[in-house]
Amino acid sequence: MISSSAMAAIAVFALGLVLTPGPNMIYLVSRSVTQGRRAGMISLAGVAAGFLVYVTAVTAGVTTVFTLVPEVYTAIKAAGAAYLLWLAWQAVRPGGTTAFAPKDLPADPPRRLFAMGLVTNLLNPKIAILYVSLLPQFADPERGHVGVQLALLSLTQITIAITVNALIVLGAGGIAVFLARRPGWQRAQRYLMGSALAGLAVHLGLTRTAAH
């Protein structure tokens, strides 16, 4: 039903997306470093639930709203770009810290960890644009039910995102220790993350791809 080229393209894009610093990675790393792997995994479960919300929306045709009212889509892109620029500034500003630096955060209960992971993903502009704009372009009506195709493509993206994020959660503590002992690497990581976020924001702001 889905072409191998479409599946491969989504897989490559999903891998690049999850490896690019963004709200999900920053939240999962911060929570894992400050509260441990279990908290990170519970937060990741919330992120996974957020993906399922997007899948439900895209397969139900909710994204057609953005075709009918393009101003809403433009507003989402603008807000997302602004948010990514703010995250980039937080990383590179004087006195800024790496996402892997321990923070004085209160220990949240499991329910709040899950809820924050869910909200972080739902408000993540990278994921919103993926499901609203990119994913529908790989569905071919001639290959069968479009909703089923979108669901299968979404599951490919979700599997890759959850697997990579789980590895990041498990390794966050070790990375934090490594960076803490090497200030030069810590600064490099901050500027790399800031540059990636700023580049994504600029790309998001300049792209003229419309929602399908």
Protein backbone atom coordinates (compact mmCIF):
# COMPACT_ATOMS: atom_id res chain seq x y z
CA MET A 1 0.00 0.00 0.00
CA ILE A 2 2.89 2.38 0.77
CA SER A 3 5.84 2.65 -1.57
CA SER A 4 9.22 1.67 -0.21
CA SER A 5 10.61 5.04 -1.28
CA ALA A 6 7.97 6.91 0.75
CA MET A 7 8.66 4.74 3.79
CA ALA A 8 12.41 5.25 3.45
CA ALA A 9 12.02 9.00 3.04
CA ILE A 10 9.91 9.28 6.20
CA ALA A 11 12.37 7.08 8.11
CA VAL A 12 15.35 9.25 7.12
CA PHE A 13 13.48 12.45 7.89
CA ALA A 14 12.28 11.08 11.24
CA LEU A 15 15.83 10.14 12.21
CA GLY A 16 17.17 13.57 11.30
CA LEU A 17 14.31 15.23 13.14
CA VAL A 18 14.78 13.35 16.40
CA LEU A 19 18.54 13.93 16.36
CA THR A 20 18.06 17.68 15.88
CA PRO A 21 17.79 19.48 19.24
CA GLY A 22 14.28 20.63 20.01
CA PRO A 23 11.71 20.95 22.80
CA ASN A 24 11.24 17.18 23.21
CA MET A 25 14.96 16.46 23.52
CA ILE A 26 15.54 19.38 25.88
CA TYR A 27 12.70 18.36 28.19
CA LEU A 28 13.55 14.66 28.24
CA VAL A 29 17.24 15.28 28.87
CA SER A 30 16.60 17.87 31.59
CA ARG A 31 14.14 15.62 33.41
CA SER A 32 16.36 12.54 33.09
CA VAL A 33 19.42 14.36 34.44
CA THR A 34 17.59 15.93 37.38
CA GLN A 35 15.22 13.12 38.36
CA GLY A 36 16.65 9.94 36.85
CA ARG A 37 15.96 7.52 34.03
CA ARG A 38 12.58 6.39 35.35
CA ALA A 39 11.30 9.96 35.27
CA GLY A 40 12.72 10.33 31.78
CA MET A 41 10.92 7.22 30.58
CA ILE A 42 7.60 8.33 32.08
CA SER A 43 8.05 11.67 30.36
CA LEU A 44 8.80 9.82 27.13
CA ALA A 45 5.51 7.93 27.51
CA GLY A 46 3.79 11.32 27.52
CA VAL A 47 5.68 12.30 24.38
CA ALA A 48 4.51 9.06 22.75
CA ALA A 49 0.91 9.88 23.68
CA GLY A 50 1.37 13.24 21.97
CA PHE A 51 2.41 11.46 18.78
CA LEU A 52 -0.78 9.38 18.94
CA VAL A 53 -2.84 12.57 19.20
CA TYR A 54 -1.20 13.86 16.03
CA VAL A 55 -1.78 10.53 14.26
CA THR A 56 -5.46 10.60 15.19
CA ALA A 57 -5.79 14.16 13.93
CA VAL A 58 -4.02 13.60 10.63
CA THR A 59 -5.87 10.37 9.83
CA ALA A 60 -9.19 12.01 10.69
CA GLY A 61 -8.54 14.75 8.17
CA VAL A 62 -8.22 17.54 10.72
CA THR A 63 -5.29 18.97 8.79
CA THR A 64 -7.67 19.94 5.97
CA VAL A 65 -8.59 22.87 8.20
CA PHE A 66 -5.20 24.37 7.47
CA THR A 67 -5.87 24.13 3.75
CA LEU A 68 -9.21 25.89 4.12
CA VAL A 69 -7.84 28.51 6.53
CA PRO A 70 -4.16 29.02 5.54
CA GLU A 71 -3.81 31.90 8.01
CA VAL A 72 -4.02 29.38 10.87
CA TYR A 73 -1.18 27.37 9.35
CA THR A 74 0.90 30.52 8.89
CA ALA A 75 0.30 31.50 12.51
CA ILE A 76 1.46 28.07 13.72
CA LYS A 77 4.63 28.34 11.66
CA ALA A 78 5.37 31.84 12.96
CA ALA A 79 4.78 30.85 16.58
CA GLY A 80 6.90 27.73 16.14
CA ALA A 81 9.79 29.67 14.60
CA ALA A 82 9.67 32.23 17.41
CA TYR A 83 9.71 29.48 20.04
CA LEU A 84 12.71 27.77 18.44
CA LEU A 85 14.58 31.08 18.32
CA TRP A 86 13.88 31.59 22.02
CA LEU A 87 15.27 28.13 22.79
CA ALA A 88 18.33 28.92 20.65
CA TRP A 89 18.94 32.13 22.60
CA GLN A 90 18.63 30.29 25.91
CA ALA A 91 21.41 27.96 24.75
CA VAL A 92 23.91 30.56 23.46
CA ARG A 93 23.20 33.60 25.63
CA PRO A 94 25.86 34.67 28.17
CA GLY A 95 25.44 32.47 31.19
CA GLY A 96 23.39 29.95 29.25
CA THR A 97 23.64 26.28 30.12
CA THR A 98 23.58 23.03 28.19
CA ALA A 99 20.44 20.89 28.27
CA PHE A 100 22.59 18.22 29.92
CA ALA A 101 23.47 20.44 32.89
CA PRO A 102 21.77 19.43 36.18
CA LYS A 103 19.08 21.91 37.17
CA ASP A 104 17.45 22.66 40.48
CA LEU A 105 14.06 21.28 39.51
CA PRO A 106 11.51 19.82 41.94
CA ALA A 107 10.82 16.12 41.61
CA ASP A 108 7.51 15.77 39.76
CA PRO A 109 5.12 12.86 40.36
CA PRO A 110 4.54 10.37 37.52
CA ARG A 111 1.23 11.94 36.47
CA ARG A 112 2.82 15.35 36.02
CA LEU A 113 5.84 13.88 34.22
CA PHE A 114 3.52 12.18 31.74
CA ALA A 115 1.40 15.31 31.30
CA MET A 116 4.43 17.53 30.70
CA GLY A 117 5.82 15.10 28.13
CA LEU A 118 2.45 15.13 26.37
CA VAL A 119 2.12 18.92 26.37
CA THR A 120 5.74 19.45 25.30
CA ASN A 121 5.20 17.24 22.26
CA LEU A 122 1.83 18.74 21.35
CA LEU A 123 3.36 22.22 21.41
CA ASN A 124 6.52 21.16 19.57
CA PRO A 125 6.57 23.11 16.27
CA LYS A 126 8.82 20.52 14.62
CA ILE A 127 6.26 17.77 15.13
CA ALA A 128 3.31 19.98 14.23
CA ILE A 129 4.84 20.91 10.88
CA LEU A 130 5.80 17.26 10.23
CA TYR A 131 2.23 16.05 10.58
CA VAL A 132 0.48 19.06 9.08
CA SER A 133 2.71 19.67 6.08
CA LEU A 134 5.18 16.91 5.27
CA LEU A 135 3.52 13.60 6.06
CA PRO A 136 0.40 14.06 3.87
CA GLN A 137 2.62 14.61 0.83
CA PHE A 138 3.71 10.95 0.96
CA ALA A 139 0.18 9.53 0.83
CA ASP A 140 -0.87 8.41 -2.65
CA PRO A 141 -4.65 8.03 -3.18
CA GLU A 142 -3.98 5.53 -5.97
CA ARG A 143 -2.38 3.15 -3.45
CA GLY A 144 -5.43 2.79 -1.24
CA HIS A 145 -7.05 4.43 1.77
CA VAL A 146 -5.15 7.64 2.54
CA GLY A 147 -5.92 7.45 6.26
CA VAL A 148 -4.37 3.99 6.53
CA GLN A 149 -1.29 5.15 4.62
CA LEU A 150 -0.87 8.13 6.94
CA ALA A 151 -1.25 5.87 9.98
CA LEU A 152 1.48 3.51 8.72
CA LEU A 153 3.82 6.37 7.84
CA SER A 154 3.18 7.90 11.26
CA LEU A 155 3.99 4.62 13.01
CA THR A 156 7.32 4.53 11.17
CA GLN A 157 8.16 8.01 12.44
CA ILE A 158 6.96 7.24 15.97
CA THR A 159 8.99 4.02 16.21
CA ILE A 160 12.18 5.83 15.25
CA ALA A 161 11.46 8.84 17.49
CA ILE A 162 10.67 6.76 20.58
CA THR A 163 13.66 4.44 20.09
CA VAL A 164 16.16 7.28 19.70
CA ASN A 165 14.64 9.32 22.53
CA ALA A 166 14.77 6.29 24.81
CA LEU A 167 18.49 5.94 24.09
CA ILE A 168 18.95 9.65 24.83
CA VAL A 169 17.11 9.28 28.14
CA LEU A 170 19.26 6.28 29.14
CA GLY A 171 22.47 8.06 28.21
CA ALA A 172 21.65 11.55 29.50
CA GLY A 173 23.34 11.05 32.87
CA GLY A 174 26.58 9.81 31.35
CA ILE A 175 26.63 12.64 28.82
CA ALA A 176 26.03 15.16 31.62
CA VAL A 177 29.04 13.84 33.56
CA PHE A 178 31.20 13.87 30.42
CA LEU A 179 30.32 17.50 29.66
CA ALA A 180 30.69 18.62 33.28
CA ARG A 181 34.31 17.44 33.25
CA ARG A 182 35.04 19.11 29.91
CA PRO A 183 33.96 22.79 29.81
CA GLY A 184 35.13 23.17 26.23
CA TRP A 185 32.89 20.34 25.06
CA GLN A 186 30.04 21.81 27.10
CA ARG A 187 30.36 25.17 25.33
CA ALA A 188 30.58 23.44 21.96
CA GLN A 189 27.43 21.45 22.72
CA ARG A 190 25.58 24.62 23.71
CA TYR A 191 26.51 26.44 20.51
CA LEU A 192 25.78 23.37 18.38
CA MET A 193 22.32 23.07 19.91
CA GLY A 194 21.69 26.80 19.59
CA SER A 195 22.80 26.83 15.96
CA ALA A 196 20.62 23.84 15.11
CA LEU A 197 17.57 25.42 16.74
CA ALA A 198 18.17 28.77 15.04
CA GLY A 199 18.69 27.10 11.67
CA LEU A 200 15.47 25.14 12.07
CA ALA A 201 13.62 28.34 13.02
CA VAL A 202 14.89 30.16 9.93
CA HIS A 203 14.00 27.23 7.69
CA LEU A 204 10.55 27.05 9.25
CA GLY A 205 10.03 30.76 8.73
CA LEU A 206 11.20 30.79 5.10
CA THR A 207 9.52 27.66 3.81
CA ARG A 208 6.44 28.30 1.75
CA THR A 209 5.13 24.77 1.76
CA ALA A 210 1.40 24.82 2.31
CA ALA A 211 -0.58 22.36 4.37
CA HIS A 212 -2.14 19.58 2.33
